Structures are given as structure tokens and as C-alpha cells.
Amino acid sequence: MAFTSIRETGWMDVPEIVELSRRVARGIDPRLHVEGVTSADGGTGRVEILVTIAGCHRDPCALVINVRRADQQSTKVDIEGQLTEAIAGHLSRQP
């Protein structure tokens, strides 16, 4: 079985997604901190990003988003959208 490199697929690799997701999170809210990124489902075209919110009602609160692994622009848009949606949902459930 031959392995296909990430570069051949056009996907961003995990370290690139870590850096991108940290920039996106800081741009949305400086209290957001990306704790880690891991491949979802054993290396598929998706990753899970663990984000904490400092100073939240149960400090720290944590969110997990699952985004597509694609080119930089598409991945950025997916991270922004999912993170914004997750934060809105989280804040609406605060006591």
C-alpha cells in the first residue's frame, strides 16, 4: 500500500493548521487559546481543534470543532465559521 503525502493531497498539515487556528482564534477573541489539533478519524481530511476560553463562566471552558483539512483559505473560512458558531452556542448556554 502506497502512502500519499499531505502535500500531494493539497491539504494543510497539522502544524500548519495549529498556527492558522491560533491566528484565527486570536482575531476572534484574545481570550481564545488553541490547546491542540489532531487528525479526526485516523487521518481523514478533517481535524479536531480544542479551544479553551479564558475567563469564561467555568474557567476555562473548552470547545471542540471539527473542520475540513483543505487549502489555507478554505480551512481558514471553515475554522472561522465553526469557531464563531461554537462560541455563540456556548455563550447562549451560560447561566
N, C-alpha and C. Protein backbone atom coordinates (compact mmCIF):
# COMPACT_ATOMS: atom_id res chain seq x y z
N MET A 1 0.84 -1.18 0.00
CA MET A 1 0.00 0.00 0.00
C MET A 1 0.88 1.24 0.00
N ALA A 2 0.67 2.12 -0.93
CA ALA A 2 1.47 3.35 -1.03
C ALA A 2 0.81 4.45 -0.21
N PHE A 3 1.64 5.24 0.45
CA PHE A 3 1.13 6.36 1.22
C PHE A 3 1.18 7.62 0.38
N THR A 4 0.15 8.44 0.51
CA THR A 4 0.10 9.71 -0.20
C THR A 4 0.47 10.80 0.78
N SER A 5 1.42 11.64 0.41
CA SER A 5 1.82 12.70 1.32
C SER A 5 0.75 13.78 1.38
N ILE A 6 0.77 14.52 2.47
CA ILE A 6 -0.18 15.62 2.64
C ILE A 6 -0.01 16.63 1.51
N ARG A 7 1.22 16.89 1.12
CA ARG A 7 1.48 17.86 0.04
C ARG A 7 0.85 17.41 -1.27
N GLU A 8 0.82 16.11 -1.51
CA GLU A 8 0.21 15.61 -2.74
C GLU A 8 -1.31 15.76 -2.72
N THR A 9 -1.90 15.78 -1.53
CA THR A 9 -3.35 15.89 -1.43
C THR A 9 -3.82 17.33 -1.52
N GLY A 10 -2.94 18.30 -1.24
CA GLY A 10 -3.32 19.70 -1.22
C GLY A 10 -3.85 20.14 0.13
N TRP A 11 -3.88 19.23 1.10
CA TRP A 11 -4.32 19.56 2.45
C TRP A 11 -3.22 20.25 3.22
N MET A 12 -3.62 21.10 4.16
CA MET A 12 -2.66 21.66 5.11
C MET A 12 -2.28 20.55 6.09
N ASP A 13 -1.03 20.56 6.58
CA ASP A 13 -0.68 19.57 7.58
C ASP A 13 -1.03 20.10 8.97
N VAL A 14 -0.99 19.23 9.97
CA VAL A 14 -1.45 19.59 11.31
C VAL A 14 -0.68 20.79 11.90
N PRO A 15 0.65 20.85 11.82
CA PRO A 15 1.34 22.03 12.36
C PRO A 15 0.90 23.34 11.69
N GLU A 16 0.63 23.30 10.40
CA GLU A 16 0.13 24.50 9.71
C GLU A 16 -1.26 24.88 10.22
N ILE A 17 -2.09 23.89 10.48
CA ILE A 17 -3.44 24.16 10.98
C ILE A 17 -3.38 24.70 12.40
N VAL A 18 -2.44 24.21 13.21
CA VAL A 18 -2.26 24.75 14.57
C VAL A 18 -1.99 26.24 14.49
N GLU A 19 -1.04 26.64 13.67
CA GLU A 19 -0.68 28.06 13.56
C GLU A 19 -1.84 28.87 13.01
N LEU A 20 -2.49 28.38 11.97
CA LEU A 20 -3.62 29.09 11.38
C LEU A 20 -4.76 29.23 12.39
N SER A 21 -5.10 28.16 13.07
CA SER A 21 -6.20 28.22 14.03
C SER A 21 -5.88 29.16 15.19
N ARG A 22 -4.63 29.24 15.60
CA ARG A 22 -4.26 30.20 16.66
C ARG A 22 -4.43 31.64 16.19
N ARG A 23 -4.05 31.92 14.96
CA ARG A 23 -4.24 33.28 14.41
C ARG A 23 -5.72 33.62 14.31
N VAL A 24 -6.51 32.68 13.82
CA VAL A 24 -7.95 32.91 13.67
C VAL A 24 -8.57 33.14 15.05
N ALA A 25 -8.24 32.29 16.02
CA ALA A 25 -8.82 32.41 17.36
C ALA A 25 -8.48 33.76 17.99
N ARG A 26 -7.22 34.18 17.89
CA ARG A 26 -6.82 35.49 18.43
C ARG A 26 -7.57 36.62 17.77
N GLY A 27 -7.84 36.49 16.48
CA GLY A 27 -8.58 37.52 15.75
C GLY A 27 -10.04 37.60 16.16
N ILE A 28 -10.61 36.48 16.59
CA ILE A 28 -12.00 36.47 17.02
C ILE A 28 -12.12 37.01 18.45
N ASP A 29 -11.25 36.53 19.35
CA ASP A 29 -11.31 36.94 20.75
C ASP A 29 -9.98 36.57 21.40
N PRO A 30 -9.29 37.55 22.00
CA PRO A 30 -7.98 37.25 22.59
C PRO A 30 -8.04 36.27 23.78
N ARG A 31 -9.23 36.00 24.30
CA ARG A 31 -9.36 35.02 25.39
C ARG A 31 -9.33 33.58 24.89
N LEU A 32 -9.42 33.39 23.57
CA LEU A 32 -9.42 32.04 23.00
C LEU A 32 -8.00 31.52 22.88
N HIS A 33 -7.81 30.28 23.28
CA HIS A 33 -6.49 29.65 23.18
C HIS A 33 -6.63 28.26 22.56
N VAL A 34 -5.93 28.03 21.45
CA VAL A 34 -5.94 26.71 20.81
C VAL A 34 -5.00 25.81 21.59
N GLU A 35 -5.57 24.78 22.19
CA GLU A 35 -4.80 23.84 23.01
C GLU A 35 -4.16 22.75 22.16
N GLY A 36 -4.84 22.37 21.07
CA GLY A 36 -4.29 21.31 20.24
C GLY A 36 -5.14 21.02 19.02
N VAL A 37 -4.52 20.33 18.08
CA VAL A 37 -5.18 19.92 16.84
C VAL A 37 -4.79 18.47 16.58
N THR A 38 -5.77 17.67 16.22
CA THR A 38 -5.49 16.28 15.90
C THR A 38 -6.28 15.86 14.67
N SER A 39 -5.74 14.91 13.93
CA SER A 39 -6.47 14.36 12.79
C SER A 39 -7.69 13.62 13.29
N ALA A 40 -8.80 13.82 12.64
CA ALA A 40 -10.03 13.12 13.00
C ALA A 40 -10.11 11.81 12.25
N ASP A 41 -10.68 10.82 12.88
CA ASP A 41 -10.92 9.52 12.24
C ASP A 41 -9.68 8.93 11.57
N GLY A 42 -8.55 8.99 12.26
CA GLY A 42 -7.36 8.30 11.79
C GLY A 42 -6.73 8.86 10.53
N GLY A 43 -6.74 10.17 10.37
CA GLY A 43 -6.02 10.76 9.26
C GLY A 43 -6.87 11.13 8.06
N THR A 44 -8.15 11.29 8.26
CA THR A 44 -9.02 11.69 7.17
C THR A 44 -8.76 13.14 6.80
N GLY A 45 -9.60 13.69 5.96
CA GLY A 45 -9.48 15.07 5.54
C GLY A 45 -10.09 16.04 6.53
N ARG A 46 -10.21 15.65 7.79
CA ARG A 46 -10.77 16.52 8.82
C ARG A 46 -9.84 16.53 10.02
N VAL A 47 -9.90 17.62 10.80
CA VAL A 47 -9.16 17.72 12.05
C VAL A 47 -10.08 18.21 13.14
N GLU A 48 -9.74 17.88 14.37
CA GLU A 48 -10.44 18.40 15.53
C GLU A 48 -9.54 19.41 16.22
N ILE A 49 -10.11 20.55 16.58
CA ILE A 49 -9.35 21.63 17.21
C ILE A 49 -9.96 21.87 18.59
N LEU A 50 -9.12 21.77 19.63
CA LEU A 50 -9.55 22.01 21.00
C LEU A 50 -9.18 23.45 21.37
N VAL A 51 -10.21 24.22 21.76
CA VAL A 51 -10.04 25.64 22.08
C VAL A 51 -10.58 25.89 23.48
N THR A 52 -9.81 26.60 24.32
CA THR A 52 -10.31 27.00 25.63
C THR A 52 -10.62 28.49 25.61
N ILE A 53 -11.54 28.89 26.51
CA ILE A 53 -11.93 30.30 26.63
C ILE A 53 -11.55 30.75 28.03
N ALA A 54 -10.49 31.54 28.15
CA ALA A 54 -10.05 32.04 29.45
C ALA A 54 -11.06 33.03 29.99
N GLY A 55 -11.30 32.98 31.30
CA GLY A 55 -12.21 33.93 31.92
C GLY A 55 -13.67 33.63 31.69
N CYS A 56 -13.98 32.46 31.21
CA CYS A 56 -15.37 32.09 30.96
C CYS A 56 -16.05 31.77 32.30
N HIS A 57 -17.34 31.51 32.26
CA HIS A 57 -18.10 31.27 33.49
C HIS A 57 -17.62 30.05 34.27
N ARG A 58 -17.03 29.09 33.61
CA ARG A 58 -16.39 27.95 34.28
C ARG A 58 -14.98 27.88 33.74
N ASP A 59 -14.15 28.79 34.19
CA ASP A 59 -12.81 28.97 33.65
C ASP A 59 -11.98 27.71 33.82
N PRO A 60 -11.31 27.21 32.79
CA PRO A 60 -11.56 27.57 31.40
C PRO A 60 -12.61 26.67 30.78
N CYS A 61 -13.42 27.21 29.96
CA CYS A 61 -14.38 26.44 29.18
C CYS A 61 -13.66 25.92 27.93
N ALA A 62 -14.10 24.79 27.44
CA ALA A 62 -13.45 24.20 26.28
C ALA A 62 -14.47 23.92 25.17
N LEU A 63 -14.03 24.13 23.96
CA LEU A 63 -14.82 23.86 22.76
C LEU A 63 -14.01 22.94 21.85
N VAL A 64 -14.68 22.06 21.15
CA VAL A 64 -14.02 21.23 20.14
C VAL A 64 -14.77 21.46 18.83
N ILE A 65 -14.01 21.84 17.80
CA ILE A 65 -14.61 21.99 16.47
C ILE A 65 -13.96 20.98 15.53
N ASN A 66 -14.70 20.57 14.54
CA ASN A 66 -14.24 19.59 13.57
C ASN A 66 -14.30 20.25 12.20
N VAL A 67 -13.14 20.47 11.59
CA VAL A 67 -13.09 21.22 10.34
C VAL A 67 -12.44 20.42 9.21
N ARG A 68 -12.76 20.83 8.00
CA ARG A 68 -12.15 20.21 6.81
C ARG A 68 -10.69 20.61 6.71
N ARG A 69 -9.89 19.69 6.28
CA ARG A 69 -8.48 19.95 6.00
C ARG A 69 -8.36 20.18 4.51
N ALA A 70 -8.06 21.42 4.13
CA ALA A 70 -8.01 21.76 2.71
C ALA A 70 -6.88 22.76 2.51
N ASP A 71 -6.99 23.58 1.48
CA ASP A 71 -6.01 24.64 1.27
C ASP A 71 -6.19 25.68 2.37
N GLN A 72 -5.25 26.60 2.50
CA GLN A 72 -5.25 27.55 3.61
C GLN A 72 -6.52 28.40 3.67
N GLN A 73 -6.95 28.97 2.56
CA GLN A 73 -8.11 29.85 2.58
C GLN A 73 -9.38 29.10 2.96
N SER A 74 -9.59 27.94 2.40
CA SER A 74 -10.79 27.15 2.72
C SER A 74 -10.78 26.70 4.18
N THR A 75 -9.63 26.29 4.66
CA THR A 75 -9.51 25.86 6.06
C THR A 75 -9.75 27.03 7.00
N LYS A 76 -9.22 28.20 6.65
CA LYS A 76 -9.41 29.40 7.48
C LYS A 76 -10.90 29.75 7.58
N VAL A 77 -11.59 29.74 6.46
CA VAL A 77 -13.02 30.06 6.43
C VAL A 77 -13.79 29.06 7.29
N ASP A 78 -13.44 27.79 7.19
CA ASP A 78 -14.11 26.75 7.96
C ASP A 78 -13.86 26.94 9.46
N ILE A 79 -12.62 27.23 9.85
CA ILE A 79 -12.29 27.46 11.26
C ILE A 79 -13.06 28.68 11.78
N GLU A 80 -13.03 29.78 11.04
CA GLU A 80 -13.74 31.00 11.47
C GLU A 80 -15.22 30.72 11.68
N GLY A 81 -15.84 30.09 10.72
CA GLY A 81 -17.27 29.82 10.80
C GLY A 81 -17.64 28.90 11.95
N GLN A 82 -16.92 27.80 12.07
CA GLN A 82 -17.24 26.84 13.12
C GLN A 82 -16.92 27.38 14.50
N LEU A 83 -15.82 28.11 14.63
CA LEU A 83 -15.45 28.66 15.93
C LEU A 83 -16.44 29.75 16.36
N THR A 84 -16.82 30.61 15.44
CA THR A 84 -17.80 31.65 15.75
C THR A 84 -19.13 31.02 16.17
N GLU A 85 -19.55 30.00 15.45
CA GLU A 85 -20.80 29.30 15.78
C GLU A 85 -20.71 28.60 17.14
N ALA A 86 -19.60 27.95 17.41
CA ALA A 86 -19.42 27.24 18.69
C ALA A 86 -19.42 28.22 19.86
N ILE A 87 -18.77 29.36 19.70
CA ILE A 87 -18.73 30.36 20.77
C ILE A 87 -20.14 30.91 21.02
N ALA A 88 -20.87 31.23 19.96
CA ALA A 88 -22.23 31.75 20.12
C ALA A 88 -23.11 30.74 20.85
N GLY A 89 -23.01 29.49 20.48
CA GLY A 89 -23.78 28.45 21.15
C GLY A 89 -23.38 28.30 22.60
N HIS A 90 -22.09 28.36 22.86
CA HIS A 90 -21.58 28.23 24.23
C HIS A 90 -22.06 29.39 25.10
N LEU A 91 -21.96 30.59 24.59
CA LEU A 91 -22.36 31.77 25.36
C LEU A 91 -23.86 31.78 25.63
N SER A 92 -24.65 31.23 24.71
CA SER A 92 -26.11 31.23 24.90
C SER A 92 -26.52 30.24 26.00
N ARG A 93 -25.63 29.30 26.35
CA ARG A 93 -25.93 28.32 27.40
C ARG A 93 -25.37 28.71 28.76
N GLN A 94 -24.75 29.88 28.87
CA GLN A 94 -24.20 30.31 30.16
C GLN A 94 -25.32 30.55 31.16
N PRO A 95 -25.02 30.27 32.46
CA PRO A 95 -26.04 30.51 33.49
C PRO A 95 -26.29 32.00 33.69
